[in-house]
Amino acid sequence: MAKVVIPNGAEGEEAVYREQVIREYSGNPFIEALPPIYAPEEVVEKLAVYPPYSEEERNLDAHYRIHLTQKLFHCFQPLPQHLDLESRISRVIRQGYLPRNPVSKEYVISLKDGYRAVQNCDINANQQFRSTACGFTIIGVSGMGKSVSINRVLSMYPQVIVHSRYKGQGFSFYQLVWLKLDTPFDGSVKGLCIDFFNKVDQLMGTDFYKKVANSRKSVDYMLTLMCQVVRNTGLGLLIIDEVQHLCGARGLGDERMLNFFVTLVNTAGVPIILIATPKAMSILQSEFRQARRGSGQGDMVWERLQYDENFEILLDSLWQYQWTRKESILTKSMRELLYEESQGIIDIICKIIVMAQTIAISTGKEQVDEKLIQQVAREHLQLVRPMILALKSGNIREIAKYSDICTAEIDYGKLVNQEKLPVEMRMRIRAIKEQKEKREKENKTSKMEQALYKLAELGIDVAKARKAVEAVFEAEGHNIDEGQLVIKAIQVLSGNTTEKKSKKVKTTPKSENDLRYIVEEGRNQGKSAYDALKDKGYIKGEKNDTLFKAV
């Protein structure tokens, strides 16, 4: 999509209308301008974030490598719950737009009714509007990446789409596809409204914030105006994060805000996603839950990871980023220890690995082992240590002391079991595995090309070099770094050469650049193969010095 600068606002993307497979979605420019409905493997590809990494970074000085460890916080490994989230958002946006077709007569009437409602300060006007919007709630333990995951999914959609012509007719419209707000820390309804207007102004170039921020307009007026702005901008999805802040709202603030969310769904037709920690369960299991019961989307409960396939997929993705001089092998006991010390909380897993590498680099230890992992968990995660110990104990009373991790009040029969669709989950896990295998294959291909290039520079026949490299891959696996790959390939070739020489008459290579000639001349002078190659300039760098000594 081409970028379009909105006057006094942000950048939008020019509308590109796509043919719809689902008949009900056709003829609605709001839906046709959205990105396509993606298959699971496409979702994995778009959600995944793997920061660039090179084995050469491990050769840098310590002060650089300590900075590089921060890359790990930018890594995003899609898991089945992320694919589920993307699918839900894809559905709710489109379902919410079904009755809000901007080229229909009914939509124009709803805009007029909304204008009259603002004039009369009547938030319940336009009740005859037929809404198909259906939101849902994400309830999850702190540190499980709820907000990050939502942001990754939202990044798949343009935030503002600029329409100019539709089916040969003039159609000028700025479509606001999604908007994400944080619940004010004091649970204030007015604070949420002001934040809404401020963000709409920044995106759309409007001036609602000036009209309400410093005025004596009532909260009811702001809520009514907010409904109308939702209609006027064609808002497709509203996300409210940190809903647990409503627990601190004074008086009936929490009830008032939740009732307003219900009104937005029913009268403005916009789907709403609420994101909260388990602390908010007491207010979410109320009238708002009753209003959403018929939505058909269900709620999402993001528990901490279990020690299963998903945990291993995540850990494998993180573990490949190592900046210590010595590589650490991810053994079964190391996996078990990392789970024990993190209890499956994604944020804790990342922090343990980053801090362990940082300490290993700064102390000169240059390798992460189980003892260091235990030290990090014991000494550097003291604030969350009591929570981790409570989770380890499995004692409900101890866990209940920490409201952001306790999900004991959740009705798992209705919230979890209905969301575990075995067939879909298997498809999602398969898509993740396929994407992982694709990355590994690309990584292997890249390493092979680099190794062949270096071996060719040494005067080794390409066909022989390829066979040697493939033999090393088969024996060592494709996680081997490029330097070791070249060395072991040379060892394979040297072994083959020795074997052949025992059967044939010894011949002297003609070219002085031939690797065999250099090694043979070195031996005649009492040098090892390593020293001979180093003297000729074929071996450079601290890392290769260490590795080539095995030749």
Protein backbone atom coordinates (compact mmCIF):
# COMPACT_ATOMS: atom_id res chain seq x y z
CA MET A 1 0.00 0.00 0.00
CA ALA A 2 1.17 3.54 -0.81
CA LYS A 3 1.69 5.92 2.12
CA VAL A 4 -0.49 9.01 2.41
CA VAL A 5 0.24 11.87 4.83
CA ILE A 6 -2.91 13.00 6.65
CA PRO A 7 -3.00 16.80 7.23
CA ASN A 8 -2.03 17.50 10.88
CA GLY A 9 -2.11 13.75 11.51
CA ALA A 10 -0.07 10.62 10.96
CA GLU A 11 0.63 8.56 7.86
CA GLY A 12 -2.13 6.43 6.40
CA GLU A 13 -2.06 3.76 3.73
CA GLU A 14 -3.90 4.13 0.46
CA ALA A 15 -6.83 1.71 0.19
CA VAL A 16 -6.35 -1.37 -1.97
CA TYR A 17 -9.59 -3.33 -2.36
CA ARG A 18 -9.28 -7.11 -2.40
CA GLU A 19 -11.68 -9.67 -3.77
CA GLN A 20 -13.31 -11.53 -0.90
CA VAL A 21 -13.62 -15.31 -0.64
CA ILE A 22 -16.41 -14.96 1.94
CA ARG A 23 -19.48 -13.54 0.20
CA GLU A 24 -20.72 -11.56 3.23
CA TYR A 25 -17.49 -9.55 3.25
CA SER A 26 -17.91 -8.35 -0.35
CA GLY A 27 -19.23 -4.90 -1.18
CA ASN A 28 -17.98 -3.34 2.06
CA PRO A 29 -14.96 -1.04 1.47
CA PHE A 30 -14.06 -1.15 5.18
CA ILE A 31 -13.54 -4.93 4.92
CA GLU A 32 -12.21 -5.10 1.37
CA ALA A 33 -9.40 -2.65 2.23
CA LEU A 34 -8.14 -4.84 5.09
CA PRO A 35 -5.17 -7.20 4.62
CA PRO A 36 -6.15 -10.71 3.47
CA ILE A 37 -7.17 -13.49 5.85
CA TYR A 38 -3.88 -15.28 6.42
CA ALA A 39 -3.16 -19.01 6.70
CA PRO A 40 -1.40 -20.17 9.92
CA GLU A 41 2.02 -20.50 8.27
CA GLU A 42 1.72 -16.93 6.91
CA VAL A 43 0.79 -15.67 10.38
CA VAL A 44 3.88 -17.29 11.89
CA GLU A 45 6.06 -15.65 9.24
CA LYS A 46 4.58 -12.20 9.86
CA LEU A 47 4.54 -12.36 13.67
CA ALA A 48 8.04 -13.76 14.18
CA VAL A 49 10.86 -11.38 15.06
CA TYR A 50 14.39 -12.80 15.01
CA PRO A 51 16.99 -10.05 15.48
CA PRO A 52 19.99 -10.33 13.13
CA TYR A 53 22.79 -12.39 14.63
CA SER A 54 26.24 -13.47 13.50
CA GLU A 55 28.72 -15.83 15.14
CA GLU A 56 31.34 -13.15 14.52
CA GLU A 57 29.69 -11.00 17.20
CA ARG A 58 31.10 -13.40 19.79
CA ASN A 59 34.59 -12.20 18.84
CA LEU A 60 33.85 -8.60 19.85
CA ASP A 61 35.17 -7.05 23.06
CA ALA A 62 33.16 -7.63 26.22
CA HIS A 63 31.68 -4.13 26.48
CA TYR A 64 30.12 -4.50 23.02
CA ARG A 65 28.79 -7.98 23.67
CA ILE A 66 27.06 -6.90 26.87
CA HIS A 67 25.07 -4.44 24.78
CA LEU A 68 24.28 -7.12 22.20
CA THR A 69 22.61 -9.32 24.82
CA GLN A 70 19.74 -6.83 24.83
CA LYS A 71 18.76 -8.10 21.38
CA LEU A 72 17.15 -11.04 23.13
CA PHE A 73 14.36 -8.79 24.42
CA HIS A 74 13.38 -8.00 20.82
CA CYS A 75 12.99 -11.64 19.84
CA PHE A 76 9.40 -12.80 19.31
CA GLN A 77 8.69 -16.49 18.82
CA PRO A 78 5.08 -17.18 17.76
CA LEU A 79 3.33 -19.89 19.78
CA PRO A 80 -0.14 -21.44 19.35
CA GLN A 81 -1.79 -18.81 21.59
CA HIS A 82 -0.44 -16.07 19.32
CA LEU A 83 -1.97 -17.71 16.25
CA ASP A 84 -5.23 -18.04 18.16
CA LEU A 85 -5.09 -14.33 19.04
CA GLU A 86 -4.45 -13.31 15.43
CA SER A 87 -7.37 -15.43 14.23
CA ARG A 88 -9.75 -13.91 16.79
CA ILE A 89 -8.74 -10.35 15.92
CA SER A 90 -9.13 -11.09 12.21
CA ARG A 91 -12.67 -12.32 12.88
CA VAL A 92 -13.87 -9.62 15.28
CA ILE A 93 -12.73 -6.73 13.06
CA ARG A 94 -14.58 -8.11 10.05
CA GLN A 95 -17.68 -9.10 12.02
CA GLY A 96 -17.80 -5.63 13.56
CA TYR A 97 -17.72 -4.02 10.11
CA LEU A 98 -20.54 -6.17 8.65
CA PRO A 99 -23.42 -3.81 9.63
CA ARG A 100 -21.24 -0.71 9.22
CA ASN A 101 -20.97 -0.51 5.45
CA PRO A 102 -20.06 3.13 4.67
CA VAL A 103 -21.75 2.99 1.25
CA SER A 104 -25.06 1.81 2.72
CA LYS A 105 -28.08 3.96 3.60
CA GLU A 106 -28.23 2.52 7.12
CA TYR A 107 -24.71 3.71 7.91
CA VAL A 108 -25.54 7.29 6.89
CA ILE A 109 -28.64 7.20 9.09
CA SER A 110 -26.57 5.97 12.06
CA LEU A 111 -24.20 8.93 11.61
CA LYS A 112 -27.13 11.37 11.71
CA ASP A 113 -28.57 9.68 14.80
CA GLY A 114 -25.16 9.88 16.44
CA TYR A 115 -24.93 13.61 15.77
CA ARG A 116 -28.32 14.18 17.44
CA ALA A 117 -27.21 12.04 20.39
CA VAL A 118 -24.19 14.31 20.94
CA GLN A 119 -26.41 17.40 20.85
CA ASN A 120 -28.77 15.85 23.42
CA CYS A 121 -25.98 14.18 25.44
CA ASP A 122 -27.83 10.87 25.11
CA ILE A 123 -25.36 7.99 25.23
CA ASN A 124 -28.11 5.38 24.76
CA ALA A 125 -29.40 6.81 21.49
CA ASN A 126 -29.30 4.72 18.32
CA GLN A 127 -30.31 1.55 20.20
CA GLN A 128 -31.99 0.21 17.07
CA PHE A 129 -28.58 -0.14 15.44
CA ARG A 130 -27.95 -3.83 14.72
CA SER A 131 -24.48 -4.55 16.04
CA THR A 132 -22.59 -7.72 15.17
CA ALA A 133 -19.52 -6.61 17.11
CA CYS A 134 -18.09 -9.12 19.55
CA GLY A 135 -15.08 -8.45 21.71
CA PHE A 136 -13.25 -10.67 24.16
CA THR A 137 -11.00 -10.48 27.19
CA ILE A 138 -7.39 -11.59 27.53
CA ILE A 139 -6.57 -12.53 31.10
CA GLY A 140 -2.99 -13.51 31.74
CA VAL A 141 -0.24 -13.72 34.29
CA SER A 142 2.10 -10.72 34.37
CA GLY A 143 5.15 -11.26 32.19
CA MET A 144 3.47 -13.50 29.61
CA GLY A 145 3.69 -10.89 26.84
CA LYS A 146 0.00 -10.03 26.45
CA SER A 147 0.61 -6.44 25.37
CA VAL A 148 3.60 -7.32 23.18
CA SER A 149 1.58 -10.04 21.47
CA ILE A 150 -1.33 -7.69 20.78
CA ASN A 151 1.09 -5.15 19.33
CA ARG A 152 2.64 -7.78 17.05
CA VAL A 153 -0.78 -8.79 15.71
CA LEU A 154 -1.87 -5.16 15.27
CA SER A 155 1.32 -4.48 13.28
CA MET A 156 -0.14 -6.73 10.57
CA TYR A 157 -2.86 -4.11 9.99
CA PRO A 158 -2.46 -0.51 8.80
CA GLN A 159 -3.76 1.76 11.56
CA VAL A 160 -5.29 4.26 9.14
CA ILE A 161 -6.55 3.49 5.62
CA VAL A 162 -7.20 6.39 3.23
CA HIS A 163 -10.10 5.87 0.82
CA SER A 164 -10.61 8.09 -2.24
CA ARG A 165 -12.56 6.06 -4.84
CA TYR A 166 -14.54 2.84 -4.58
CA LYS A 167 -15.87 1.01 -7.64
CA GLY A 168 -15.47 4.08 -9.81
CA GLN A 169 -17.30 6.39 -7.40
CA GLY A 170 -15.83 9.11 -5.22
CA PHE A 171 -15.43 7.88 -1.64
CA SER A 172 -13.35 10.10 0.63
CA PHE A 173 -12.87 8.55 4.06
CA TYR A 174 -10.14 8.11 6.68
CA GLN A 175 -10.71 4.66 8.19
CA LEU A 176 -9.25 4.11 11.67
CA VAL A 177 -8.69 0.35 11.75
CA TRP A 178 -7.60 0.00 15.39
CA LEU A 179 -6.84 2.05 18.48
CA LYS A 180 -5.13 0.89 21.66
CA LEU A 181 -5.54 2.67 25.00
CA ASP A 182 -4.20 2.05 28.49
CA THR A 183 -6.61 2.26 31.41
CA PRO A 184 -5.59 5.28 33.55
CA PHE A 185 -3.73 4.24 36.71
CA ASP A 186 -6.59 5.61 38.84
CA GLY A 187 -9.32 3.95 36.76
CA SER A 188 -10.74 7.34 35.73
CA VAL A 189 -13.41 7.27 33.00
CA LYS A 190 -12.67 10.89 32.11
CA GLY A 191 -8.95 10.11 31.82
CA LEU A 192 -9.69 7.29 29.38
CA CYS A 193 -11.92 9.55 27.26
CA ILE A 194 -9.30 12.30 27.10
CA ASP A 195 -6.63 9.78 26.10
CA PHE A 196 -8.96 8.48 23.38
CA PHE A 197 -9.50 11.95 21.88
CA ASN A 198 -5.79 12.78 22.10
CA LYS A 199 -4.76 9.66 20.18
CA VAL A 200 -7.49 10.10 17.57
CA ASP A 201 -6.28 13.68 17.00
CA GLN A 202 -2.67 12.52 16.55
CA LEU A 203 -3.72 9.98 13.93
CA MET A 204 -6.54 11.75 12.11
CA GLY A 205 -5.55 15.41 12.37
CA THR A 206 -8.71 16.35 14.32
CA ASP A 207 -9.00 18.63 17.37
CA PHE A 208 -11.31 16.82 19.79
CA TYR A 209 -8.76 16.96 22.60
CA LYS A 210 -8.75 20.77 22.67
CA LYS A 211 -12.54 20.79 22.85
CA VAL A 212 -12.81 18.53 25.89
CA ALA A 213 -9.52 18.60 27.83
CA ASN A 214 -9.82 22.08 29.31
CA SER A 215 -13.60 22.36 29.27
CA ARG A 216 -16.21 21.56 31.88
CA LYS A 217 -17.88 19.00 29.69
CA SER A 218 -19.44 16.18 31.67
CA VAL A 219 -18.25 12.60 31.43
CA ASP A 220 -21.60 11.67 29.86
CA TYR A 221 -21.00 14.22 27.11
CA MET A 222 -17.49 12.83 26.50
CA LEU A 223 -18.80 9.28 26.30
CA THR A 224 -21.49 10.32 23.83
CA LEU A 225 -18.96 12.20 21.71
CA MET A 226 -16.64 9.19 21.87
CA CYS A 227 -19.41 6.99 20.40
CA GLN A 228 -19.86 9.43 17.54
CA VAL A 229 -16.12 9.64 16.83
CA VAL A 230 -16.06 5.83 16.64
CA ARG A 231 -18.77 6.00 13.95
CA ASN A 232 -17.20 8.91 12.05
CA THR A 233 -13.78 7.26 11.86
CA GLY A 234 -15.02 3.75 11.09
CA LEU A 235 -13.03 2.43 14.06
CA GLY A 236 -12.60 -1.31 13.54
CA LEU A 237 -11.23 -2.39 16.92
CA LEU A 238 -10.68 -0.77 20.32
CA ILE A 239 -8.15 -2.37 22.68
CA ILE A 240 -8.12 -1.41 26.35
CA ASP A 241 -4.99 -2.56 28.19
CA GLU A 242 -4.21 -2.68 31.93
CA VAL A 243 -7.88 -3.10 32.88
CA GLN A 244 -6.80 -4.21 36.38
CA HIS A 245 -6.34 -0.50 37.13
CA LEU A 246 -10.13 -0.32 37.42
CA CYS A 247 -9.76 -2.16 40.72
CA GLY A 248 -8.48 1.11 42.17
CA ALA A 249 -11.30 3.25 40.75
CA ARG A 250 -13.23 5.31 43.26
CA GLY A 251 -16.91 4.73 43.89
CA LEU A 252 -18.66 3.18 40.90
CA GLY A 253 -15.89 4.04 38.44
CA ASP A 254 -15.25 0.45 37.44
CA GLU A 255 -18.93 -0.32 36.87
CA ARG A 256 -19.45 2.90 34.94
CA MET A 257 -16.55 2.23 32.59
CA LEU A 258 -17.54 -1.38 31.96
CA ASN A 259 -21.11 -0.32 31.23
CA PHE A 260 -19.74 2.21 28.77
CA PHE A 261 -17.75 -0.49 27.00
CA VAL A 262 -20.97 -2.49 26.60
CA THR A 263 -22.68 0.62 25.20
CA LEU A 264 -19.87 1.15 22.68
CA VAL A 265 -20.26 -2.41 21.45
CA ASN A 266 -24.05 -2.19 21.21
CA THR A 267 -24.59 1.33 19.82
CA ALA A 268 -21.38 2.12 17.91
CA GLY A 269 -20.75 -1.45 16.77
CA VAL A 270 -17.04 -1.47 17.61
CA PRO A 271 -15.47 -4.66 19.01
CA ILE A 272 -13.54 -4.17 22.25
CA ILE A 273 -10.67 -6.28 23.57
CA LEU A 274 -9.89 -5.94 27.27
CA ILE A 275 -6.45 -6.99 28.51
CA ALA A 276 -5.90 -7.62 32.20
CA THR A 277 -4.03 -9.61 34.82
CA PRO A 278 -5.95 -12.02 37.09
CA LYS A 279 -6.31 -9.12 39.54
CA ALA A 280 -9.19 -7.84 37.38
CA MET A 281 -11.22 -11.05 37.58
CA SER A 282 -13.51 -9.68 40.28
CA ILE A 283 -14.75 -6.83 38.08
CA LEU A 284 -14.76 -8.73 34.80
CA GLN A 285 -16.98 -11.49 36.21
CA SER A 286 -19.86 -9.03 36.38
CA GLU A 287 -22.41 -7.42 34.11
CA PHE A 288 -19.80 -6.99 31.37
CA ARG A 289 -19.18 -10.72 31.23
CA GLN A 290 -22.92 -11.33 30.98
CA ALA A 291 -23.18 -8.85 28.10
CA ARG A 292 -20.40 -10.64 26.20
CA ARG A 293 -21.57 -14.17 26.83
CA GLY A 294 -23.34 -14.43 23.49
CA SER A 295 -20.39 -13.07 21.51
CA GLY A 296 -19.21 -16.51 20.44
CA GLN A 297 -15.51 -15.57 20.69
CA GLY A 298 -14.91 -16.65 24.27
CA ASP A 299 -12.24 -15.27 26.57
CA MET A 300 -8.53 -16.05 26.40
CA VAL A 301 -6.71 -17.18 29.53
CA TRP A 302 -2.95 -16.95 29.18
CA GLU A 303 -1.49 -19.12 31.89
CA ARG A 304 2.26 -19.50 32.28
CA LEU A 305 3.83 -21.99 29.91
CA GLN A 306 3.83 -25.63 30.87
CA TYR A 307 6.96 -27.72 30.46
CA ASP A 308 5.94 -28.98 27.04
CA GLU A 309 6.53 -28.51 23.33
CA ASN A 310 5.68 -24.79 23.41
CA PHE A 311 8.24 -24.09 26.13
CA GLU A 312 10.90 -25.96 24.15
CA ILE A 313 10.09 -24.06 20.94
CA LEU A 314 10.51 -20.75 22.78
CA LEU A 315 13.70 -21.83 24.53
CA ASP A 316 15.28 -23.11 21.31
CA SER A 317 14.65 -19.73 19.65
CA LEU A 318 16.21 -17.78 22.53
CA TRP A 319 19.16 -20.10 23.10
CA GLN A 320 20.57 -19.64 19.60
CA TYR A 321 21.52 -16.07 20.60
CA GLN A 322 24.80 -16.51 22.47
CA TRP A 323 27.47 -13.85 22.85
CA THR A 324 29.82 -15.67 25.24
CA ARG A 325 33.14 -16.90 23.83
CA LYS A 326 32.27 -20.49 24.72
CA GLU A 327 29.05 -21.96 23.42
CA SER A 328 26.64 -23.45 25.96
CA ILE A 329 24.75 -26.59 25.01
CA LEU A 330 21.04 -26.65 25.83
CA THR A 331 20.87 -30.00 27.61
CA LYS A 332 17.77 -31.59 29.08
CA SER A 333 18.89 -30.72 32.62
CA MET A 334 19.47 -27.10 31.54
CA ARG A 335 15.95 -26.95 30.08
CA GLU A 336 14.49 -28.33 33.29
CA LEU A 337 16.46 -25.85 35.40
CA LEU A 338 15.35 -22.86 33.30
CA TYR A 339 11.74 -23.94 33.65
CA GLU A 340 12.16 -24.47 37.39
CA GLU A 341 13.61 -20.98 37.90
CA SER A 342 11.17 -19.18 35.58
CA GLN A 343 8.04 -21.28 36.15
CA GLY A 344 7.20 -20.80 32.49
CA ILE A 345 6.87 -17.00 32.66
CA ILE A 346 8.25 -15.69 29.36
CA ASP A 347 9.63 -12.40 30.72
CA ILE A 348 11.52 -14.23 33.47
CA ILE A 349 12.96 -16.74 30.99
CA CYS A 350 14.36 -13.91 28.84
CA LYS A 351 15.80 -12.03 31.81
CA ILE A 352 17.52 -15.10 33.24
CA ILE A 353 19.24 -15.85 29.91
CA VAL A 354 20.26 -12.21 29.32
CA MET A 355 21.60 -11.70 32.85
CA ALA A 356 23.43 -15.03 32.82
CA GLN A 357 25.22 -14.11 29.58
CA THR A 358 25.97 -10.61 30.87
CA ILE A 359 27.57 -11.98 34.05
CA ALA A 360 29.48 -14.66 32.12
CA ILE A 361 30.92 -12.00 29.79
CA SER A 362 31.71 -9.36 32.44
CA THR A 363 33.43 -11.83 34.80
CA GLY A 364 35.46 -13.51 32.07
CA LYS A 365 33.80 -16.86 32.71
CA GLU A 366 32.56 -16.75 29.09
CA GLN A 367 30.11 -19.63 29.41
CA VAL A 368 26.62 -20.09 30.83
CA ASP A 369 26.19 -23.18 32.98
CA GLU A 370 23.59 -24.46 35.43
CA LYS A 371 25.39 -23.01 38.44
CA LEU A 372 25.30 -19.54 36.89
CA ILE A 373 21.57 -19.86 36.07
CA GLN A 374 20.88 -20.70 39.73
CA GLN A 375 23.00 -17.75 40.88
CA VAL A 376 21.10 -15.32 38.63
CA ALA A 377 17.72 -16.58 39.82
CA ARG A 378 18.77 -16.39 43.47
CA GLU A 379 20.64 -13.07 43.50
CA HIS A 380 19.30 -10.96 40.64
CA LEU A 381 15.56 -11.70 40.62
CA GLN A 382 14.89 -10.98 44.27
CA LEU A 383 11.75 -8.91 43.67
CA VAL A 384 9.95 -11.73 41.87
CA ARG A 385 11.59 -14.52 43.87
CA PRO A 386 8.69 -14.84 46.37
CA MET A 387 6.21 -15.20 43.48
CA ILE A 388 8.36 -17.84 41.75
CA LEU A 389 8.68 -19.77 45.03
CA ALA A 390 4.90 -19.59 45.50
CA LEU A 391 4.37 -21.02 42.01
CA LYS A 392 6.94 -23.74 42.69
CA SER A 393 5.14 -24.73 45.87
CA GLY A 394 1.79 -25.14 44.12
CA ASN A 395 0.15 -23.87 47.31
CA ILE A 396 -3.02 -21.97 46.32
CA ARG A 397 -2.91 -19.82 49.47
CA GLU A 398 0.65 -18.73 48.76
CA ILE A 399 -0.10 -18.05 45.09
CA ALA A 400 -3.24 -16.08 46.02
CA LYS A 401 -1.05 -13.53 47.84
CA TYR A 402 0.04 -12.27 44.42
CA SER A 403 -3.05 -11.13 42.54
CA ASP A 404 -1.23 -10.67 39.21
CA ILE A 405 -0.33 -14.36 38.99
CA CYS A 406 -3.28 -16.04 40.70
CA THR A 407 -5.91 -17.41 38.33
CA ALA A 408 -7.68 -19.58 40.89
CA GLU A 409 -10.99 -17.77 40.36
CA ILE A 410 -11.09 -18.52 36.65
CA ASP A 411 -13.68 -21.05 35.53
CA TYR A 412 -11.38 -23.27 33.49
CA GLY A 413 -14.23 -25.46 32.34
CA LYS A 414 -15.73 -22.58 30.38
CA LEU A 415 -12.69 -20.48 29.58
CA VAL A 416 -9.85 -22.88 28.91
CA ASN A 417 -11.32 -26.16 27.77
CA GLN A 418 -13.57 -24.58 25.16
CA GLU A 419 -10.55 -22.76 23.72
CA LYS A 420 -8.41 -25.88 23.38
CA LEU A 421 -9.34 -27.03 19.92
CA PRO A 422 -7.05 -30.02 19.38
CA VAL A 423 -7.14 -30.00 15.58
CA GLU A 424 -6.48 -26.27 15.29
CA MET A 425 -3.69 -26.41 17.86
CA ARG A 426 -1.97 -29.24 16.02
CA MET A 427 -2.18 -27.16 12.82
CA ARG A 428 -0.67 -24.17 14.60
CA ILE A 429 2.15 -26.14 16.16
CA ARG A 430 2.88 -27.71 12.78
CA ALA A 431 3.01 -24.25 11.17
CA ILE A 432 5.46 -23.09 13.83
CA LYS A 433 7.63 -26.16 13.33
CA GLU A 434 7.60 -25.73 9.55
CA GLN A 435 8.65 -22.13 9.93
CA LYS A 436 11.43 -23.17 12.32
CA GLU A 437 12.62 -25.89 9.92
CA LYS A 438 12.61 -23.34 7.09
CA ARG A 439 14.86 -21.02 9.13
CA GLU A 440 17.19 -23.90 9.97
CA LYS A 441 17.40 -24.90 6.31
CA GLU A 442 18.17 -21.31 5.28
CA ASN A 443 20.77 -21.12 8.05
CA LYS A 444 22.37 -24.37 6.86
CA THR A 445 22.43 -23.16 3.24
CA SER A 446 24.06 -19.87 4.24
CA LYS A 447 26.72 -21.65 6.32
CA MET A 448 27.45 -24.08 3.49
CA GLU A 449 27.91 -21.24 1.00
CA GLN A 450 30.29 -19.40 3.32
CA ALA A 451 32.26 -22.57 4.07
CA LEU A 452 32.55 -23.49 0.38
CA TYR A 453 33.74 -19.98 -0.42
CA LYS A 454 36.47 -20.16 2.24
CA LEU A 455 37.53 -23.66 1.17
CA ALA A 456 37.67 -22.54 -2.47
CA GLU A 457 39.97 -19.70 -1.42
CA LEU A 458 42.27 -22.36 0.03
CA GLY A 459 42.47 -24.00 -3.41
CA ILE A 460 40.24 -26.98 -2.59
CA ASP A 461 38.12 -28.44 -5.38
CA VAL A 462 34.49 -27.30 -4.94
CA ALA A 463 32.97 -30.75 -5.46
CA LYS A 464 35.29 -32.29 -2.84
CA ALA A 465 34.68 -29.37 -0.49
CA ARG A 466 30.90 -29.78 -0.79
CA LYS A 467 31.10 -33.49 0.09
CA ALA A 468 33.30 -32.71 3.09
CA VAL A 469 30.96 -29.97 4.34
CA GLU A 470 27.92 -32.23 3.96
CA ALA A 471 29.74 -34.94 5.91
CA VAL A 472 30.41 -32.46 8.72
CA PHE A 473 26.76 -31.35 8.78
CA GLU A 474 25.67 -34.97 8.99
CA ALA A 475 28.04 -35.68 11.88
CA GLU A 476 27.77 -32.41 13.83
CA GLY A 477 24.34 -31.01 12.94
CA HIS A 478 23.66 -27.62 11.38
CA ASN A 479 24.11 -25.63 14.61
CA ILE A 480 27.87 -25.74 14.09
CA ASP A 481 29.34 -22.30 13.41
CA GLU A 482 31.12 -21.38 10.18
CA GLY A 483 34.63 -21.45 11.63
CA GLN A 484 34.25 -24.96 13.05
CA LEU A 485 32.57 -26.08 9.83
CA VAL A 486 35.59 -25.05 7.73
CA ILE A 487 38.04 -26.63 10.17
CA LYS A 488 36.24 -29.96 10.37
CA ALA A 489 35.81 -30.02 6.59
CA ILE A 490 39.59 -29.60 6.26
CA GLN A 491 40.04 -32.44 8.74
CA VAL A 492 37.76 -34.64 6.62
CA LEU A 493 39.70 -33.75 3.48
CA SER A 494 43.05 -34.34 5.21
CA GLY A 495 41.87 -37.77 6.34
CA ASN A 496 40.82 -38.66 2.80
CA THR A 497 44.15 -37.44 1.43
CA THR A 498 46.11 -39.55 3.92
CA GLU A 499 44.10 -42.64 3.06
CA LYS A 500 44.65 -42.20 -0.66
CA LYS A 501 48.37 -41.59 -0.24
CA SER A 502 48.78 -44.96 1.47
CA LYS A 503 47.46 -46.64 -1.67
CA LYS A 504 49.04 -44.53 -4.37
CA VAL A 505 52.45 -43.19 -5.23
CA LYS A 506 53.11 -39.97 -3.37
CA THR A 507 52.76 -36.90 -5.58
CA THR A 508 53.75 -33.35 -4.86
CA PRO A 509 51.15 -30.63 -5.53
CA LYS A 510 52.34 -28.23 -8.18
CA SER A 511 50.76 -25.01 -6.89
CA GLU A 512 52.30 -23.17 -3.97
CA ASN A 513 48.78 -21.99 -3.07
CA ASP A 514 47.54 -25.57 -2.77
CA LEU A 515 46.57 -26.33 0.83
CA ARG A 516 48.26 -29.74 0.66
CA TYR A 517 51.52 -28.16 -0.55
CA ILE A 518 51.50 -25.66 2.34
CA VAL A 519 50.83 -28.36 4.94
CA GLU A 520 53.45 -30.71 3.44
CA GLU A 521 56.11 -28.00 3.32
CA GLY A 522 55.28 -27.10 6.90
CA ARG A 523 55.75 -30.69 8.03
CA ASN A 524 59.12 -30.79 6.30
CA GLN A 525 60.07 -27.79 8.43
CA GLY A 526 58.74 -29.42 11.61
CA LYS A 527 55.56 -27.32 11.75
CA SER A 528 52.02 -28.46 12.51
CA ALA A 529 49.30 -28.01 9.88
CA TYR A 530 47.90 -25.19 12.03
CA ASP A 531 51.21 -23.28 12.20
CA ALA A 532 51.87 -23.78 8.49
CA LEU A 533 48.47 -22.38 7.48
CA LYS A 534 48.77 -19.52 9.99
CA ASP A 535 52.20 -18.50 8.68
CA LYS A 536 50.73 -18.28 5.18
CA GLY A 537 47.93 -16.00 6.39
CA TYR A 538 45.07 -18.46 5.97
CA ILE A 539 44.22 -18.45 9.69
CA LYS A 540 43.36 -15.14 11.34
CA GLY A 541 41.55 -14.06 14.50
CA GLU A 542 41.40 -15.23 18.08
CA LYS A 543 38.39 -17.46 17.51
CA ASN A 544 39.95 -19.35 14.60
CA ASP A 545 43.27 -19.67 16.50
CA THR A 546 41.50 -21.65 19.17
CA LEU A 547 39.55 -23.78 16.75
CA PHE A 548 42.36 -24.63 14.30
CA LYS A 549 44.60 -26.06 17.01
CA ALA A 550 42.56 -29.24 16.68
CA VAL A 551 43.74 -29.72 13.07
